[in-house]
């Protein structure tokens, strides 16, 4: 039997999208792990959405923060449309 190719590195699941503001391209992400500016993330969901980007900035309650912890809900600009329930991975 041929060996199956390993799955591409998907990263560690660190949260999920809870809201998306389409006009300004900002996703609200509820974290189940910590995240900081400079980290690379991957967002994957339905309809073929699967992209990676770097965290350039994020906000909690309209205050810019450098890092966020488990349980925080952060807002950050994303380069593609996302929907509620999409998974967020740290690469």
N, C-alpha and C. Protein backbone atom coordinates (compact mmCIF):
# COMPACT_ATOMS: atom_id res chain seq x y z
N UNK A 1 0.83 -1.20 0.00
CA UNK A 1 0.00 0.00 0.00
C UNK A 1 0.87 1.26 0.00
N UNK A 2 0.55 2.24 -0.86
CA UNK A 2 1.38 3.47 -0.84
C UNK A 2 1.14 4.24 0.46
N UNK A 3 2.21 4.85 0.91
CA UNK A 3 2.11 5.63 2.14
C UNK A 3 1.40 6.95 1.85
N UNK A 4 0.49 7.35 2.74
CA UNK A 4 -0.20 8.62 2.54
C UNK A 4 0.73 9.77 2.87
N UNK A 5 0.60 10.82 2.10
CA UNK A 5 1.42 12.01 2.37
C UNK A 5 0.97 12.63 3.69
N UNK A 6 1.93 13.13 4.48
CA UNK A 6 1.52 13.76 5.75
C UNK A 6 0.69 15.01 5.46
N UNK A 7 -0.21 15.28 6.36
CA UNK A 7 -1.05 16.48 6.22
C UNK A 7 -0.18 17.72 6.35
N UNK A 8 -0.52 18.78 5.63
CA UNK A 8 0.26 20.01 5.78
C UNK A 8 0.17 20.52 7.22
N UNK A 9 1.18 21.19 7.65
CA UNK A 9 1.21 21.72 9.01
C UNK A 9 0.04 22.69 9.19
N UNK A 10 -0.86 22.36 10.09
CA UNK A 10 -2.00 23.26 10.26
C UNK A 10 -1.85 24.14 11.49
N UNK A 11 -0.89 23.85 12.33
CA UNK A 11 -0.67 24.68 13.51
C UNK A 11 -1.52 24.21 14.67
N UNK A 12 -1.44 24.96 15.76
CA UNK A 12 -2.15 24.62 16.99
C UNK A 12 -3.43 25.43 17.06
N UNK A 13 -4.55 24.76 17.29
CA UNK A 13 -5.84 25.46 17.41
C UNK A 13 -5.79 26.40 18.62
N UNK A 14 -6.02 27.69 18.37
CA UNK A 14 -5.94 28.66 19.47
C UNK A 14 -7.21 29.49 19.63
N UNK A 15 -8.20 29.24 18.79
CA UNK A 15 -9.42 30.02 18.95
C UNK A 15 -10.35 29.86 17.77
N UNK A 16 -11.45 30.64 17.82
CA UNK A 16 -12.38 30.60 16.72
C UNK A 16 -12.99 31.98 16.51
N UNK A 17 -13.41 32.22 15.29
CA UNK A 17 -14.03 33.50 14.94
C UNK A 17 -15.43 33.54 15.52
N UNK A 18 -15.76 34.62 16.24
CA UNK A 18 -17.11 34.75 16.80
C UNK A 18 -17.90 35.84 16.09
N UNK A 19 -17.22 36.71 15.33
CA UNK A 19 -17.92 37.77 14.61
C UNK A 19 -17.00 38.31 13.51
N UNK A 20 -17.61 38.86 12.48
CA UNK A 20 -16.81 39.48 11.41
C UNK A 20 -17.50 40.76 10.97
N UNK A 21 -16.74 41.84 10.96
CA UNK A 21 -17.23 43.14 10.50
C UNK A 21 -16.74 43.32 9.06
N UNK A 22 -17.62 43.05 8.10
CA UNK A 22 -17.24 43.04 6.69
C UNK A 22 -16.74 44.37 6.16
N UNK A 23 -17.41 45.47 6.58
CA UNK A 23 -17.04 46.78 6.04
C UNK A 23 -15.61 47.17 6.39
N UNK A 24 -15.16 46.78 7.58
CA UNK A 24 -13.80 47.17 8.00
C UNK A 24 -12.83 45.99 7.98
N UNK A 25 -13.33 44.79 7.64
CA UNK A 25 -12.45 43.62 7.52
C UNK A 25 -11.83 43.18 8.82
N UNK A 26 -12.62 43.27 9.90
CA UNK A 26 -12.11 42.90 11.22
C UNK A 26 -12.84 41.67 11.75
N UNK A 27 -12.05 40.70 12.22
CA UNK A 27 -12.62 39.49 12.82
C UNK A 27 -12.48 39.59 14.33
N UNK A 28 -13.50 39.12 15.04
CA UNK A 28 -13.42 38.97 16.49
C UNK A 28 -13.12 37.50 16.75
N UNK A 29 -12.04 37.25 17.48
CA UNK A 29 -11.57 35.89 17.72
C UNK A 29 -11.55 35.63 19.22
N UNK A 30 -12.25 34.58 19.63
CA UNK A 30 -12.23 34.17 21.04
C UNK A 30 -11.09 33.18 21.20
N UNK A 31 -10.17 33.49 22.11
CA UNK A 31 -8.94 32.70 22.23
C UNK A 31 -9.06 31.57 23.25
N UNK A 32 -8.50 30.41 22.88
CA UNK A 32 -8.38 29.29 23.80
C UNK A 32 -6.90 29.06 24.12
N UNK A 33 -6.06 29.98 23.66
CA UNK A 33 -4.62 29.94 23.95
C UNK A 33 -4.10 31.37 23.78
N UNK A 34 -2.86 31.61 24.18
CA UNK A 34 -2.37 32.99 24.08
C UNK A 34 -1.90 33.31 22.66
N UNK A 35 -1.88 34.61 22.36
CA UNK A 35 -1.50 35.09 21.04
C UNK A 35 -0.83 36.44 21.22
N UNK A 36 0.19 36.71 20.40
CA UNK A 36 0.84 38.02 20.49
C UNK A 36 1.11 38.59 19.11
N UNK A 37 1.29 39.90 19.07
CA UNK A 37 1.63 40.58 17.83
C UNK A 37 2.93 39.98 17.30
N UNK A 38 2.95 39.69 16.00
CA UNK A 38 4.13 39.07 15.40
C UNK A 38 3.93 37.58 15.13
N UNK A 39 2.97 36.96 15.83
CA UNK A 39 2.68 35.54 15.58
C UNK A 39 2.09 35.38 14.18
N UNK A 40 2.28 34.20 13.62
CA UNK A 40 1.61 33.86 12.35
C UNK A 40 0.42 32.98 12.68
N UNK A 41 -0.71 33.27 12.03
CA UNK A 41 -1.91 32.48 12.27
C UNK A 41 -2.45 31.96 10.95
N UNK A 42 -3.30 30.96 11.06
CA UNK A 42 -4.01 30.40 9.91
C UNK A 42 -5.48 30.37 10.28
N UNK A 43 -6.33 30.82 9.37
CA UNK A 43 -7.77 30.78 9.59
C UNK A 43 -8.37 29.85 8.55
N UNK A 44 -9.14 28.87 9.02
CA UNK A 44 -9.72 27.89 8.10
C UNK A 44 -11.19 27.71 8.43
N UNK A 45 -11.99 27.61 7.36
CA UNK A 45 -13.42 27.40 7.54
C UNK A 45 -14.03 26.84 6.29
N UNK A 46 -15.32 26.99 6.17
CA UNK A 46 -16.04 26.47 5.03
C UNK A 46 -15.75 27.26 3.76
N UNK A 47 -16.37 26.82 2.68
CA UNK A 47 -16.30 27.51 1.39
C UNK A 47 -14.88 27.73 0.90
N UNK A 48 -13.97 26.82 1.25
CA UNK A 48 -12.62 26.92 0.74
C UNK A 48 -11.76 28.00 1.39
N UNK A 49 -12.25 28.62 2.44
CA UNK A 49 -11.45 29.65 3.11
C UNK A 49 -10.36 28.97 3.92
N UNK A 50 -9.12 29.30 3.62
CA UNK A 50 -7.98 28.76 4.36
C UNK A 50 -6.79 29.64 4.00
N UNK A 51 -6.40 30.53 4.90
CA UNK A 51 -5.30 31.43 4.61
C UNK A 51 -4.49 31.68 5.87
N UNK A 52 -3.26 32.15 5.65
CA UNK A 52 -2.36 32.46 6.75
C UNK A 52 -2.02 33.94 6.69
N UNK A 53 -1.74 34.51 7.83
CA UNK A 53 -1.29 35.89 7.88
C UNK A 53 -0.58 36.13 9.20
N UNK A 54 0.15 37.23 9.25
CA UNK A 54 0.83 37.61 10.48
C UNK A 54 -0.08 38.53 11.28
N UNK A 55 0.02 38.44 12.61
CA UNK A 55 -0.75 39.34 13.48
C UNK A 55 0.01 40.66 13.55
N UNK A 56 -0.50 41.68 12.85
CA UNK A 56 0.16 42.99 12.84
C UNK A 56 -0.26 43.83 14.03
N UNK A 57 -1.53 43.71 14.41
CA UNK A 57 -2.02 44.42 15.58
C UNK A 57 -3.31 43.77 16.01
N UNK A 58 -3.66 43.96 17.27
CA UNK A 58 -4.93 43.44 17.76
C UNK A 58 -5.43 44.33 18.88
N UNK A 59 -6.72 44.25 19.11
CA UNK A 59 -7.34 45.09 20.12
C UNK A 59 -8.25 44.27 21.01
N UNK A 60 -8.32 44.69 22.27
CA UNK A 60 -9.30 44.16 23.21
C UNK A 60 -10.09 45.37 23.70
N UNK A 61 -11.40 45.35 23.50
CA UNK A 61 -12.25 46.49 23.91
C UNK A 61 -11.70 47.82 23.37
N UNK A 62 -11.34 47.85 22.10
CA UNK A 62 -10.86 49.06 21.41
C UNK A 62 -9.52 49.59 21.93
N UNK A 63 -8.81 48.80 22.73
CA UNK A 63 -7.47 49.19 23.21
C UNK A 63 -6.46 48.30 22.50
N UNK A 64 -5.45 48.93 21.88
CA UNK A 64 -4.41 48.13 21.22
C UNK A 64 -3.63 47.36 22.28
N UNK A 65 -3.38 46.07 22.02
CA UNK A 65 -2.61 45.24 22.95
C UNK A 65 -1.52 44.52 22.16
N UNK A 66 -0.46 44.15 22.87
CA UNK A 66 0.65 43.41 22.26
C UNK A 66 0.43 41.91 22.37
N UNK A 67 -0.33 41.49 23.41
CA UNK A 67 -0.60 40.07 23.58
C UNK A 67 -1.95 39.87 24.25
N UNK A 68 -2.49 38.68 24.08
CA UNK A 68 -3.78 38.35 24.66
C UNK A 68 -3.69 36.95 25.24
N UNK A 69 -4.57 36.67 26.20
CA UNK A 69 -4.49 35.39 26.90
C UNK A 69 -5.76 34.56 26.69
N UNK A 70 -5.74 33.35 27.22
CA UNK A 70 -6.88 32.44 27.12
C UNK A 70 -8.14 33.14 27.62
N UNK A 71 -9.21 33.03 26.85
CA UNK A 71 -10.49 33.62 27.26
C UNK A 71 -10.72 35.02 26.73
N UNK A 72 -9.66 35.68 26.24
CA UNK A 72 -9.83 37.02 25.67
C UNK A 72 -10.53 36.93 24.32
N UNK A 73 -11.28 37.96 24.00
CA UNK A 73 -11.83 38.11 22.65
C UNK A 73 -11.09 39.29 22.03
N UNK A 74 -10.40 39.04 20.94
CA UNK A 74 -9.61 40.09 20.31
C UNK A 74 -10.23 40.47 18.96
N UNK A 75 -9.98 41.68 18.56
CA UNK A 75 -10.36 42.13 17.23
C UNK A 75 -9.08 42.32 16.43
N UNK A 76 -9.07 41.85 15.20
CA UNK A 76 -7.91 42.08 14.34
C UNK A 76 -8.34 42.10 12.89
N UNK A 77 -7.61 42.90 12.09
CA UNK A 77 -7.86 42.96 10.66
C UNK A 77 -7.44 41.65 10.03
N UNK A 78 -8.29 41.13 9.13
CA UNK A 78 -7.94 39.91 8.41
C UNK A 78 -7.98 40.22 6.91
N UNK A 79 -7.16 39.48 6.15
CA UNK A 79 -7.02 39.82 4.73
C UNK A 79 -8.09 39.21 3.85
N UNK A 80 -8.90 38.31 4.41
CA UNK A 80 -10.00 37.71 3.64
C UNK A 80 -11.26 37.71 4.50
N UNK A 81 -12.41 37.52 3.83
CA UNK A 81 -13.67 37.41 4.56
C UNK A 81 -13.66 36.13 5.38
N UNK A 82 -14.14 36.20 6.60
CA UNK A 82 -14.28 35.00 7.44
C UNK A 82 -15.71 34.98 7.99
N UNK A 83 -16.07 33.86 8.56
CA UNK A 83 -17.40 33.73 9.15
C UNK A 83 -17.30 33.18 10.56
N UNK A 84 -18.38 33.38 11.30
CA UNK A 84 -18.48 32.85 12.65
C UNK A 84 -18.22 31.34 12.63
N UNK A 85 -17.42 30.87 13.58
CA UNK A 85 -17.16 29.45 13.68
C UNK A 85 -15.89 28.99 12.99
N UNK A 86 -15.28 29.83 12.14
CA UNK A 86 -14.02 29.45 11.50
C UNK A 86 -12.96 29.25 12.59
N UNK A 87 -12.09 28.29 12.36
CA UNK A 87 -11.05 27.97 13.36
C UNK A 87 -9.79 28.79 13.10
N UNK A 88 -9.11 29.14 14.20
CA UNK A 88 -7.88 29.93 14.13
C UNK A 88 -6.74 29.11 14.74
N UNK A 89 -5.67 28.97 13.97
CA UNK A 89 -4.50 28.19 14.40
C UNK A 89 -3.30 29.10 14.49
N UNK A 90 -2.41 28.79 15.45
CA UNK A 90 -1.11 29.49 15.50
C UNK A 90 -0.10 28.62 14.80
N UNK A 91 0.67 29.22 13.87
CA UNK A 91 1.66 28.45 13.10
C UNK A 91 3.03 28.53 13.74
